[in-house]
Amino acid sequence: MSGLEFTIFCGKCFAVVSCDHGNGSVLSCGDFLCHRCSQQLQSTSICPACGRSGVRAIVLDGPLPDEVKGSIEDPMKTLDSLFQTLGFQVKYYKSTIRKLFSRLKDSESE
């Protein structure tokens, strides 16, 4: 594993956003905001970083929600999992193709 870390920056002021103690928010538009910039969402549902309206916010006050964590975790961890899955699927399809060819040969010889 590479141990890459993903640093989160506020989409408006570019301050580093920590994922604990209510230091920021992740918005439904995909932007992260520091605590100071996320205060602007209390009076409006417009993202101060991208301008999209109707956004919802999740306050980062503890462990990240799974749907957020999966987007910012170490990409090598995700790739390792993907390669394991693909490796299994390739072995399965190769085995299936061999079996199908064997059955085809058997049916042709009958």
PDB file of N, CA and C in Angstrom:
ATOM      1  N   MET A   1       0.832  -1.186   0.000  1.00  0.00           N
ATOM      2  CA  MET A   1       0.000   0.000   0.000  1.00  0.00           C
ATOM      3  C   MET A   1       0.875   1.246   0.000  1.00  0.00           C
ATOM      4  N   SER A   2       0.366   2.274  -0.645  1.00  0.00           N
ATOM      5  CA  SER A   2       1.151   3.494  -0.749  1.00  0.00           C
ATOM      6  C   SER A   2       0.958   4.414   0.438  1.00  0.00           C
ATOM      7  N   GLY A   3      -0.164   4.313   1.147  1.00  0.00           N
ATOM      8  CA  GLY A   3      -0.429   5.179   2.289  1.00  0.00           C
ATOM      9  C   GLY A   3      -0.695   6.617   1.892  1.00  0.00           C
ATOM     10  N   LEU A   4      -1.253   6.819   0.705  1.00  0.00           N
ATOM     11  CA  LEU A   4      -1.558   8.175   0.274  1.00  0.00           C
ATOM     12  C   LEU A   4      -2.629   8.772   1.161  1.00  0.00           C
ATOM     13  N   GLU A   5      -2.477  10.047   1.467  1.00  0.00           N
ATOM     14  CA  GLU A   5      -3.497  10.737   2.242  1.00  0.00           C
ATOM     15  C   GLU A   5      -4.208  11.722   1.339  1.00  0.00           C
ATOM     16  N   PHE A   6      -5.459  11.909   1.612  1.00  0.00           N
ATOM     17  CA  PHE A   6      -6.281  12.829   0.850  1.00  0.00           C
ATOM     18  C   PHE A   6      -6.548  14.036   1.727  1.00  0.00           C
ATOM     19  N   THR A   7      -6.022  15.184   1.343  1.00  0.00           N
ATOM     20  CA  THR A   7      -6.248  16.415   2.099  1.00  0.00           C
ATOM     21  C   THR A   7      -7.471  17.106   1.526  1.00  0.00           C
ATOM     22  N   ILE A   8      -8.372  17.474   2.405  1.00  0.00           N
ATOM     23  CA  ILE A   8      -9.605  18.134   1.994  1.00  0.00           C
ATOM     24  C   ILE A   8      -9.440  19.635   2.172  1.00  0.00           C
ATOM     25  N   PHE A   9      -9.743  20.375   1.121  1.00  0.00           N
ATOM     26  CA  PHE A   9      -9.677  21.830   1.147  1.00  0.00           C
ATOM     27  C   PHE A   9     -11.070  22.407   0.970  1.00  0.00           C
ATOM     28  N   CYS A  10     -11.320  23.520   1.611  1.00  0.00           N
ATOM     29  CA  CYS A  10     -12.577  24.243   1.453  1.00  0.00           C
ATOM     30  C   CYS A  10     -12.686  24.701   0.001  1.00  0.00           C
ATOM     31  N   GLY A  11     -13.847  24.462  -0.598  1.00  0.00           N
ATOM     32  CA  GLY A  11     -14.059  24.837  -1.995  1.00  0.00           C
ATOM     33  C   GLY A  11     -14.164  26.330  -2.226  1.00  0.00           C
ATOM     34  N   LYS A  12     -14.318  27.099  -1.151  1.00  0.00           N
ATOM     35  CA  LYS A  12     -14.420  28.553  -1.311  1.00  0.00           C
ATOM     36  C   LYS A  12     -13.131  29.261  -0.911  1.00  0.00           C
ATOM     37  N   CYS A  13     -12.622  29.012   0.296  1.00  0.00           N
ATOM     38  CA  CYS A  13     -11.448  29.758   0.770  1.00  0.00           C
ATOM     39  C   CYS A  13     -10.161  28.937   0.759  1.00  0.00           C
ATOM     40  N   PHE A  14     -10.265  27.635   0.452  1.00  0.00           N
ATOM     41  CA  PHE A  14      -9.129  26.709   0.342  1.00  0.00           C
ATOM     42  C   PHE A  14      -8.407  26.432   1.659  1.00  0.00           C
ATOM     43  N   ALA A  15      -9.069  26.673   2.780  1.00  0.00           N
ATOM     44  CA  ALA A  15      -8.523  26.269   4.080  1.00  0.00           C
ATOM     45  C   ALA A  15      -8.604  24.750   4.170  1.00  0.00           C
ATOM     46  N   VAL A  16      -7.705  24.147   4.932  1.00  0.00           N
ATOM     47  CA  VAL A  16      -7.746  22.703   5.135  1.00  0.00           C
ATOM     48  C   VAL A  16      -8.943  22.367   6.019  1.00  0.00           C
ATOM     49  N   VAL A  17      -9.716  21.389   5.600  1.00  0.00           N
ATOM     50  CA  VAL A  17     -10.899  20.964   6.341  1.00  0.00           C
ATOM     51  C   VAL A  17     -10.565  19.677   7.079  1.00  0.00           C
ATOM     52  N   SER A  18     -10.759  19.692   8.386  1.00  0.00           N
ATOM     53  CA  SER A  18     -10.555  18.508   9.210  1.00  0.00           C
ATOM     54  C   SER A  18     -11.885  17.788   9.346  1.00  0.00           C
ATOM     55  N   CYS A  19     -11.840  16.485   9.473  1.00  0.00           N
ATOM     56  CA  CYS A  19     -13.071  15.698   9.536  1.00  0.00           C
ATOM     57  C   CYS A  19     -13.524  15.428  10.960  1.00  0.00           C
ATOM     58  N   ASP A  20     -13.147  16.275  11.884  1.00  0.00           N
ATOM     59  CA  ASP A  20     -13.595  16.067  13.254  1.00  0.00           C
ATOM     60  C   ASP A  20     -14.012  17.390  13.890  1.00  0.00           C
ATOM     61  N   HIS A  21     -14.732  17.284  14.958  1.00  0.00           N
ATOM     62  CA  HIS A  21     -15.149  18.441  15.754  1.00  0.00           C
ATOM     63  C   HIS A  21     -15.967  19.468  14.966  1.00  0.00           C
ATOM     64  N   GLY A  22     -16.743  19.038  13.981  1.00  0.00           N
ATOM     65  CA  GLY A  22     -17.596  19.961  13.240  1.00  0.00           C
ATOM     66  C   GLY A  22     -16.827  21.026  12.488  1.00  0.00           C
ATOM     67  N   ASN A  23     -15.622  20.688  12.028  1.00  0.00           N
ATOM     68  CA  ASN A  23     -14.755  21.659  11.388  1.00  0.00           C
ATOM     69  C   ASN A  23     -15.144  21.969   9.953  1.00  0.00           C
ATOM     70  N   GLY A  24     -16.115  21.295   9.411  1.00  0.00           N
ATOM     71  CA  GLY A  24     -16.513  21.560   8.040  1.00  0.00           C
ATOM     72  C   GLY A  24     -17.705  20.731   7.632  1.00  0.00           C
ATOM     73  N   SER A  25     -18.013  20.802   6.341  1.00  0.00           N
ATOM     74  CA  SER A  25     -19.158  20.085   5.792  1.00  0.00           C
ATOM     75  C   SER A  25     -18.815  19.563   4.412  1.00  0.00           C
ATOM     76  N   VAL A  26     -19.483  18.486   4.024  1.00  0.00           N
ATOM     77  CA  VAL A  26     -19.451  18.021   2.644  1.00  0.00           C
ATOM     78  C   VAL A  26     -20.852  18.262   2.101  1.00  0.00           C
ATOM     79  N   LEU A  27     -20.918  18.780   0.892  1.00  0.00           N
ATOM     80  CA  LEU A  27     -22.200  19.157   0.307  1.00  0.00           C
ATOM     81  C   LEU A  27     -22.618  18.156  -0.759  1.00  0.00           C
ATOM     82  N   SER A  28     -23.908  18.123  -1.042  1.00  0.00           N
ATOM     83  CA  SER A  28     -24.432  17.195  -2.039  1.00  0.00           C
ATOM     84  C   SER A  28     -23.909  17.497  -3.443  1.00  0.00           C
ATOM     85  N   CYS A  29     -23.377  18.677  -3.669  1.00  0.00           N
ATOM     86  CA  CYS A  29     -22.799  19.014  -4.973  1.00  0.00           C
ATOM     87  C   CYS A  29     -21.383  18.472  -5.105  1.00  0.00           C
ATOM     88  N   GLY A  30     -20.802  17.963  -3.992  1.00  0.00           N
ATOM     89  CA  GLY A  30     -19.454  17.406  -4.027  1.00  0.00           C
ATOM     90  C   GLY A  30     -18.396  18.310  -3.441  1.00  0.00           C
ATOM     91  N   ASP A  31     -18.747  19.534  -3.129  1.00  0.00           N
ATOM     92  CA  ASP A  31     -17.783  20.455  -2.529  1.00  0.00           C
ATOM     93  C   ASP A  31     -17.669  20.222  -1.027  1.00  0.00           C
ATOM     94  N   PHE A  32     -16.499  20.540  -0.496  1.00  0.00           N
ATOM     95  CA  PHE A  32     -16.271  20.558   0.946  1.00  0.00           C
ATOM     96  C   PHE A  32     -16.143  22.016   1.351  1.00  0.00           C
ATOM     97  N   LEU A  33     -16.612  22.344   2.547  1.00  0.00           N
ATOM     98  CA  LEU A  33     -16.496  23.704   3.059  1.00  0.00           C
ATOM     99  C   LEU A  33     -15.939  23.659   4.474  1.00  0.00           C
ATOM    100  N   CYS A  34     -15.108  24.654   4.810  1.00  0.00           N
ATOM    101  CA  CYS A  34     -14.640  24.788   6.181  1.00  0.00           C
ATOM    102  C   CYS A  34     -15.817  25.268   7.037  1.00  0.00           C
ATOM    103  N   HIS A  35     -15.618  25.271   8.335  1.00  0.00           N
ATOM    104  CA  HIS A  35     -16.697  25.667   9.239  1.00  0.00           C
ATOM    105  C   HIS A  35     -17.172  27.090   8.942  1.00  0.00           C
ATOM    106  N   ARG A  36     -16.228  28.004   8.742  1.00  0.00           N
ATOM    107  CA  ARG A  36     -16.591  29.403   8.500  1.00  0.00           C
ATOM    108  C   ARG A  36     -17.431  29.548   7.235  1.00  0.00           C
ATOM    109  N   CYS A  37     -17.004  28.937   6.145  1.00  0.00           N
ATOM    110  CA  CYS A  37     -17.741  29.065   4.878  1.00  0.00           C
ATOM    111  C   CYS A  37     -19.056  28.283   4.897  1.00  0.00           C
ATOM    112  N   SER A  38     -19.112  27.194   5.669  1.00  0.00           N
ATOM    113  CA  SER A  38     -20.352  26.418   5.724  1.00  0.00           C
ATOM    114  C   SER A  38     -21.450  27.163   6.480  1.00  0.00           C
ATOM    115  N   GLN A  39     -21.080  28.182   7.259  1.00  0.00           N
ATOM    116  CA  GLN A  39     -22.084  28.989   7.960  1.00  0.00           C
ATOM    117  C   GLN A  39     -22.997  29.707   6.975  1.00  0.00           C
ATOM    118  N   GLN A  40     -22.505  29.978   5.770  1.00  0.00           N
ATOM    119  CA  GLN A  40     -23.318  30.664   4.753  1.00  0.00           C
ATOM    120  C   GLN A  40     -24.501  29.813   4.316  1.00  0.00           C
ATOM    121  N   LEU A  41     -24.415  28.490   4.499  1.00  0.00           N
ATOM    122  CA  LEU A  41     -25.516  27.609   4.097  1.00  0.00           C
ATOM    123  C   LEU A  41     -26.704  27.688   5.037  1.00  0.00           C
ATOM    124  N   GLN A  42     -26.534  28.271   6.211  1.00  0.00           N
ATOM    125  CA  GLN A  42     -27.650  28.346   7.158  1.00  0.00           C
ATOM    126  C   GLN A  42     -28.764  29.245   6.641  1.00  0.00           C
ATOM    127  N   SER A  43     -28.405  30.238   5.851  1.00  0.00           N
ATOM    128  CA  SER A  43     -29.425  31.165   5.358  1.00  0.00           C
ATOM    129  C   SER A  43     -29.836  30.864   3.915  1.00  0.00           C
ATOM    130  N   THR A  44     -29.118  30.012   3.235  1.00  0.00           N
ATOM    131  CA  THR A  44     -29.427  29.701   1.843  1.00  0.00           C
ATOM    132  C   THR A  44     -29.009  28.269   1.546  1.00  0.00           C
ATOM    133  N   SER A  45     -29.532  27.687   0.495  1.00  0.00           N
ATOM    134  CA  SER A  45     -29.117  26.341   0.105  1.00  0.00           C
ATOM    135  C   SER A  45     -28.272  26.394  -1.170  1.00  0.00           C
ATOM    136  N   ILE A  46     -27.578  27.527  -1.339  1.00  0.00           N
ATOM    137  CA  ILE A  46     -26.702  27.710  -2.497  1.00  0.00           C
ATOM    138  C   ILE A  46     -25.258  27.494  -2.062  1.00  0.00           C
ATOM    139  N   CYS A  47     -24.549  26.627  -2.767  1.00  0.00           N
ATOM    140  CA  CYS A  47     -23.158  26.348  -2.431  1.00  0.00           C
ATOM    141  C   CYS A  47     -22.310  27.584  -2.688  1.00  0.00           C
ATOM    142  N   PRO A  48     -21.582  28.065  -1.685  1.00  0.00           N
ATOM    143  CA  PRO A  48     -20.747  29.242  -1.879  1.00  0.00           C
ATOM    144  C   PRO A  48     -19.508  28.962  -2.740  1.00  0.00           C
ATOM    145  N   ALA A  49     -19.217  27.688  -2.998  1.00  0.00           N
ATOM    146  CA  ALA A  49     -18.049  27.344  -3.815  1.00  0.00           C
ATOM    147  C   ALA A  49     -18.388  27.261  -5.299  1.00  0.00           C
ATOM    148  N   CYS A  50     -19.507  26.599  -5.631  1.00  0.00           N
ATOM    149  CA  CYS A  50     -19.828  26.404  -7.053  1.00  0.00           C
ATOM    150  C   CYS A  50     -21.101  27.104  -7.503  1.00  0.00           C
ATOM    151  N   GLY A  51     -21.916  27.566  -6.551  1.00  0.00           N
ATOM    152  CA  GLY A  51     -23.129  28.290  -6.899  1.00  0.00           C
ATOM    153  C   GLY A  51     -24.351  27.419  -7.149  1.00  0.00           C
ATOM    154  N   ARG A  52     -24.220  26.101  -7.029  1.00  0.00           N
ATOM    155  CA  ARG A  52     -25.368  25.222  -7.253  1.00  0.00           C
ATOM    156  C   ARG A  52     -26.394  25.440  -6.151  1.00  0.00           C
ATOM    157  N   SER A  53     -27.658  25.479  -6.536  1.00  0.00           N
ATOM    158  CA  SER A  53     -28.714  25.696  -5.543  1.00  0.00           C
ATOM    159  C   SER A  53     -29.321  24.365  -5.120  1.00  0.00           C
ATOM    160  N   GLY A  54     -29.986  24.384  -3.985  1.00  0.00           N
ATOM    161  CA  GLY A  54     -30.649  23.198  -3.465  1.00  0.00           C
ATOM    162  C   GLY A  54     -29.710  22.170  -2.863  1.00  0.00           C
ATOM    163  N   VAL A  55     -28.513  22.595  -2.445  1.00  0.00           N
ATOM    164  CA  VAL A  55     -27.555  21.635  -1.887  1.00  0.00           C
ATOM    165  C   VAL A  55     -27.873  21.316  -0.436  1.00  0.00           C
ATOM    166  N   ARG A  56     -27.522  20.094  -0.045  1.00  0.00           N
ATOM    167  CA  ARG A  56     -27.654  19.652   1.342  1.00  0.00           C
ATOM    168  C   ARG A  56     -26.251  19.459   1.887  1.00  0.00           C
ATOM    169  N   ALA A  57     -26.100  19.581   3.197  1.00  0.00           N
ATOM    170  CA  ALA A  57     -24.785  19.472   3.826  1.00  0.00           C
ATOM    171  C   ALA A  57     -24.775  18.387   4.886  1.00  0.00           C
ATOM    172  N   ILE A  58     -23.629  17.709   4.989  1.00  0.00           N
ATOM    173  CA  ILE A  58     -23.369  16.782   6.082  1.00  0.00           C
ATOM    174  C   ILE A  58     -22.210  17.376   6.865  1.00  0.00           C
ATOM    175  N   VAL A  59     -22.443  17.666   8.141  1.00  0.00           N
ATOM    176  CA  VAL A  59     -21.392  18.234   8.987  1.00  0.00           C
ATOM    177  C   VAL A  59     -20.371  17.140   9.289  1.00  0.00           C
ATOM    178  N   LEU A  60     -19.108  17.473   9.137  1.00  0.00           N
ATOM    179  CA  LEU A  60     -18.023  16.529   9.406  1.00  0.00           C
ATOM    180  C   LEU A  60     -17.635  16.648  10.869  1.00  0.00           C
ATOM    181  N   ASP A  61     -18.319  15.890  11.705  1.00  0.00           N
ATOM    182  CA  ASP A  61     -18.082  15.985  13.143  1.00  0.00           C
ATOM    183  C   ASP A  61     -17.662  14.651  13.752  1.00  0.00           C
ATOM    184  N   GLY A  62     -17.165  13.780  12.960  1.00  0.00           N
ATOM    185  CA  GLY A  62     -16.737  12.466  13.438  1.00  0.00           C
ATOM    186  C   GLY A  62     -16.342  11.621  12.250  1.00  0.00           C
ATOM    187  N   PRO A  63     -16.523  10.316  12.360  1.00  0.00           N
ATOM    188  CA  PRO A  63     -16.186   9.442  11.232  1.00  0.00           C
ATOM    189  C   PRO A  63     -16.979   9.835   9.984  1.00  0.00           C
ATOM    190  N   LEU A  64     -16.318   9.798   8.858  1.00  0.00           N
ATOM    191  CA  LEU A  64     -16.985  10.157   7.608  1.00  0.00           C
ATOM    192  C   LEU A  64     -18.051   9.138   7.248  1.00  0.00           C
ATOM    193  N   PRO A  65     -19.159   9.585   6.662  1.00  0.00           N
ATOM    194  CA  PRO A  65     -20.155   8.642   6.162  1.00  0.00           C
ATOM    195  C   PRO A  65     -19.511   7.769   5.070  1.00  0.00           C
ATOM    196  N   ASP A  66     -19.964   6.520   4.955  1.00  0.00           N
ATOM    197  CA  ASP A  66     -19.381   5.594   3.987  1.00  0.00           C
ATOM    198  C   ASP A  66     -19.397   6.145   2.567  1.00  0.00           C
ATOM    199  N   GLU A  67     -20.473   6.831   2.190  1.00  0.00           N
ATOM    200  CA  GLU A  67     -20.559   7.351   0.822  1.00  0.00           C
ATOM    201  C   GLU A  67     -19.526   8.447   0.564  1.00  0.00           C
ATOM    202  N   VAL A  68     -19.071   9.112   1.607  1.00  0.00           N
ATOM    203  CA  VAL A  68     -18.023  10.129   1.471  1.00  0.00           C
ATOM    204  C   VAL A  68     -16.655   9.471   1.572  1.00  0.00           C
ATOM    205  N   LYS A  69     -16.498   8.578   2.534  1.00  0.00           N
ATOM    206  CA  LYS A  69     -15.215   7.920   2.771  1.00  0.00           C
ATOM    207  C   LYS A  69     -14.728   7.188   1.519  1.00  0.00           C
ATOM    208  N   GLY A  70     -15.637   6.529   0.818  1.00  0.00           N
ATOM    209  CA  GLY A  70     -15.262   5.789  -0.381  1.00  0.00           C
ATOM    210  C   GLY A  70     -14.710   6.675  -1.472  1.00  0.00           C
ATOM    211  N   SER A  71     -15.106   7.935  -1.462  1.00  0.00           N
ATOM    212  CA  SER A  71     -14.643   8.861  -2.497  1.00  0.00           C
ATOM    213  C   SER A  71     -13.283   9.463  -2.208  1.00  0.00           C
ATOM    214  N   ILE A  72     -12.868   9.432  -0.944  1.00  0.00           N
ATOM    215  CA  ILE A  72     -11.617  10.113  -0.618  1.00  0.00           C
ATOM    216  C   ILE A  72     -10.573   9.214   0.011  1.00  0.00           C
ATOM    217  N   GLU A  73     -10.845   7.890   0.097  1.00  0.00           N
ATOM    218  CA  GLU A  73      -9.852   7.011   0.690  1.00  0.00           C
ATOM    219  C   GLU A  73      -8.691   6.774  -0.270  1.00  0.00           C
ATOM    220  N   ASP A  74      -7.664   6.166   0.233  1.00  0.00           N
ATOM    221  CA  ASP A  74      -6.460   5.866  -0.531  1.00  0.00           C
ATOM    222  C   ASP A  74      -6.842   5.140  -1.823  1.00  0.00           C
ATOM    223  N   PRO A  75      -6.527   5.711  -2.992  1.00  0.00           N
ATOM    224  CA  PRO A  75      -6.918   5.068  -4.255  1.00  0.00           C
ATOM    225  C   PRO A  75      -6.284   3.697  -4.461  1.00  0.00           C
ATOM    226  N   MET A  76      -5.131   3.452  -3.854  1.00  0.00           N
ATOM    227  CA  MET A  76      -4.494   2.146  -3.999  1.00  0.00           C
ATOM    228  C   MET A  76      -5.334   1.063  -3.323  1.00  0.00           C
ATOM    229  N   LYS A  77      -5.996   1.399  -2.239  1.00  0.00           N
ATOM    230  CA  LYS A  77      -6.873   0.440  -1.566  1.00  0.00           C
ATOM    231  C   LYS A  77      -8.028   0.066  -2.498  1.00  0.00           C
ATOM    232  N   THR A  78      -8.591   1.054  -3.149  1.00  0.00           N
ATOM    233  CA  THR A  78      -9.677   0.815  -4.084  1.00  0.00           C
ATOM    234  C   THR A  78      -9.193   0.003  -5.277  1.00  0.00           C
ATOM    235  N   LEU A  79      -8.013   0.343  -5.805  1.00  0.00           N
ATOM    236  CA  LEU A  79      -7.474  -0.391  -6.945  1.00  0.00           C
ATOM    237  C   LEU A  79      -7.156  -1.834  -6.584  1.00  0.00           C
ATOM    238  N   ASP A  80      -6.596  -2.071  -5.406  1.00  0.00           N
ATOM    239  CA  ASP A  80      -6.311  -3.439  -4.972  1.00  0.00           C
ATOM    240  C   ASP A  80      -7.591  -4.272  -4.957  1.00  0.00           C
ATOM    241  N   SER A  81      -8.647  -3.710  -4.423  1.00  0.00           N
ATOM    242  CA  SER A  81      -9.928  -4.408  -4.374  1.00  0.00           C
ATOM    243  C   SER A  81     -10.449  -4.665  -5.787  1.00  0.00           C
ATOM    244  N   LEU A  82     -10.336  -3.669  -6.650  1.00  0.00           N
ATOM    245  CA  LEU A  82     -10.778  -3.815  -8.032  1.00  0.00           C
ATOM    246  C   LEU A  82      -9.991  -4.909  -8.748  1.00  0.00           C
ATOM    247  N   PHE A  83      -8.669  -4.939  -8.569  1.00  0.00           N
ATOM    248  CA  PHE A  83      -7.848  -5.954  -9.218  1.00  0.00           C
ATOM    249  C   PHE A  83      -8.183  -7.354  -8.709  1.00  0.00           C
ATOM    250  N   GLN A  84      -8.482  -7.486  -7.424  1.00  0.00           N
ATOM    251  CA  GLN A  84      -8.880  -8.790  -6.893  1.00  0.00           C
ATOM    252  C   GLN A  84     -10.182  -9.251  -7.530  1.00  0.00           C
ATOM    253  N   THR A  85     -11.129  -8.338  -7.645  1.00  0.00           N
ATOM    254  CA  THR A  85     -12.413  -8.667  -8.260  1.00  0.00           C
ATOM    255  C   THR A  85     -12.231  -9.047  -9.722  1.00  0.00           C
ATOM    256  N   LEU A  86     -11.470  -8.238 -10.459  1.00  0.00           N
ATOM    257  CA  LEU A  86     -11.240  -8.536 -11.871  1.00  0.00           C
ATOM    258  C   LEU A  86     -10.483  -9.845 -12.059  1.00  0.00           C
ATOM    259  N   GLY A  87      -9.506 -10.109 -11.190  1.00  0.00           N
ATOM    260  CA  GLY A  87      -8.763 -11.360 -11.272  1.00  0.00           C
ATOM    261  C   GLY A  87      -9.679 -12.559 -11.119  1.00  0.00           C
ATOM    262  N   PHE A  88     -10.593 -12.493 -10.145  1.00  0.00           N
ATOM    263  CA  PHE A  88     -11.556 -13.570  -9.948  1.00  0.00           C
ATOM    264  C   PHE A  88     -12.434 -13.731 -11.183  1.00  0.00           C
ATOM    265  N   GLN A  89     -12.942 -12.610 -11.713  1.00  0.00           N
ATOM    266  CA  GLN A  89     -13.841 -12.685 -12.857  1.00  0.00           C
ATOM    267  C   GLN A  89     -13.141 -13.239 -14.099  1.00  0.00           C
ATOM    268  N   VAL A  90     -11.898 -12.859 -14.323  1.00  0.00           N
ATOM    269  CA  VAL A  90     -11.142 -13.369 -15.470  1.00  0.00           C
ATOM    270  C   VAL A  90     -10.967 -14.883 -15.338  1.00  0.00           C
ATOM    271  N   LYS A  91     -10.577 -15.366 -14.147  1.00  0.00           N
ATOM    272  CA  LYS A  91     -10.432 -16.811 -13.931  1.00  0.00           C
ATOM    273  C   LYS A  91     -11.757 -17.528 -14.178  1.00  0.00           C
ATOM    274  N   TYR A  92     -12.839 -16.956 -13.689  1.00  0.00           N
ATOM    275  CA  TYR A  92     -14.157 -17.565 -13.864  1.00  0.00           C
ATOM    276  C   TYR A  92     -14.515 -17.660 -15.341  1.00  0.00           C
ATOM    277  N   TYR A  93     -14.355 -16.574 -16.093  1.00  0.00           N
ATOM    278  CA  TYR A  93     -14.720 -16.588 -17.508  1.00  0.00           C
ATOM    279  C   TYR A  93     -13.821 -17.515 -18.317  1.00  0.00           C
ATOM    280  N   LYS A  94     -12.532 -17.574 -17.999  1.00  0.00           N
ATOM    281  CA  LYS A  94     -11.640 -18.503 -18.691  1.00  0.00           C
ATOM    282  C   LYS A  94     -12.084 -19.940 -18.448  1.00  0.00           C
ATOM    283  N   SER A  95     -12.417 -20.264 -17.197  1.00  0.00           N
ATOM    284  CA  SER A  95     -12.886 -21.599 -16.857  1.00  0.00           C
ATOM    285  C   SER A  95     -14.188 -21.919 -17.594  1.00  0.00           C
ATOM    286  N   THR A  96     -15.100 -20.972 -17.620  1.00  0.00           N
ATOM    287  CA  THR A  96     -16.383 -21.172 -18.300  1.00  0.00           C
ATOM    288  C   THR A  96     -16.173 -21.383 -19.792  1.00  0.00           C
ATOM    289  N   ILE A  97     -15.299 -20.603 -20.399  1.00  0.00           N
ATOM    290  CA  ILE A  97     -15.026 -20.742 -21.836  1.00  0.00           C
ATOM    291  C   ILE A  97     -14.410 -22.109 -22.130  1.00  0.00           C
ATOM    292  N   ARG A  98     -13.474 -22.570 -21.277  1.00  0.00           N
ATOM    293  CA  ARG A  98     -12.884 -23.901 -21.470  1.00  0.00           C
ATOM    294  C   ARG A  98     -13.962 -24.981 -21.406  1.00  0.00           C
ATOM    295  N   LYS A  99     -14.862 -24.860 -20.446  1.00  0.00           N
ATOM    296  CA  LYS A  99     -15.940 -25.843 -20.317  1.00  0.00           C
ATOM    297  C   LYS A  99     -16.861 -25.821 -21.539  1.00  0.00           C
ATOM    298  N   LEU A 100     -17.168 -24.634 -22.018  1.00  0.00           N
ATOM    299  CA  LEU A 100     -18.036 -24.526 -23.201  1.00  0.00           C
ATOM    300  C   LEU A 100     -17.367 -25.135 -24.428  1.00  0.00           C
ATOM    301  N   PHE A 101     -16.072 -24.879 -24.617  1.00  0.00           N
ATOM    302  CA  PHE A 101     -15.350 -25.475 -25.743  1.00  0.00           C
ATOM    303  C   PHE A 101     -15.312 -26.995 -25.624  1.00  0.00           C
ATOM    304  N   SER A 102     -15.150 -27.488 -24.398  1.00  0.00           N
ATOM    305  CA  SER A 102     -15.133 -28.926 -24.175  1.00  0.00           C
ATOM    306  C   SER A 102     -16.475 -29.541 -24.548  1.00  0.00           C
ATOM    307  N   ARG A 103     -17.546 -28.900 -24.132  1.00  0.00           N
ATOM    308  CA  ARG A 103     -18.877 -29.399 -24.477  1.00  0.00           C
ATOM    309  C   ARG A 103     -19.121 -29.325 -25.983  1.00  0.00           C
ATOM    310  N   LEU A 104     -18.645 -28.268 -26.609  1.00  0.00           N
ATOM    311  CA  LEU A 104     -18.794 -28.133 -28.062  1.00  0.00           C
ATOM    312  C   LEU A 104     -18.059 -29.270 -28.777  1.00  0.00           C
ATOM    313  N   LYS A 105     -16.837 -29.575 -28.358  1.00  0.00           N
ATOM    314  CA  LYS A 105     -16.078 -30.669 -28.964  1.00  0.00           C
ATOM    315  C   LYS A 105     -16.775 -31.987 -28.750  1.00  0.00           C
ATOM    316  N   ASP A 106     -17.308 -32.197 -27.527  1.00  0.00           N
ATOM    317  CA  ASP A 106     -18.016 -33.431 -27.235  1.00  0.00           C
ATOM    318  C   ASP A 106     -19.260 -33.576 -28.128  1.00  0.00           C
ATOM    319  N   SER A 107     -19.991 -32.482 -28.325  1.00  0.00           N
ATOM    320  CA  SER A 107     -21.203 -32.556 -29.139  1.00  0.00           C
ATOM    321  C   SER A 107     -20.875 -32.742 -30.607  1.00  0.00           C
ATOM    322  N   GLU A 108     -19.743 -32.234 -31.072  1.00  0.00           N
ATOM    323  CA  GLU A 108     -19.346 -32.410 -32.470  1.00  0.00           C
ATOM    324  C   GLU A 108     -18.886 -33.836 -32.750  1.00  0.00           C
ATOM    325  N   SER A 109     -18.351 -34.508 -31.731  1.00  0.00           N
ATOM    326  CA  SER A 109     -17.856 -35.870 -31.925  1.00  0.00           C
ATOM    327  C   SER A 109     -18.960 -36.907 -31.816  1.00  0.00           C
ATOM    328  N   GLU A 110     -20.127 -36.529 -31.382  1.00  0.00           N
ATOM    329  CA  GLU A 110     -21.247 -37.486 -31.247  1.00  0.00           C
ATOM    330  C   GLU A 110     -21.887 -37.774 -32.557  1.00  0.00           C
TER     331      GLU A 110
END
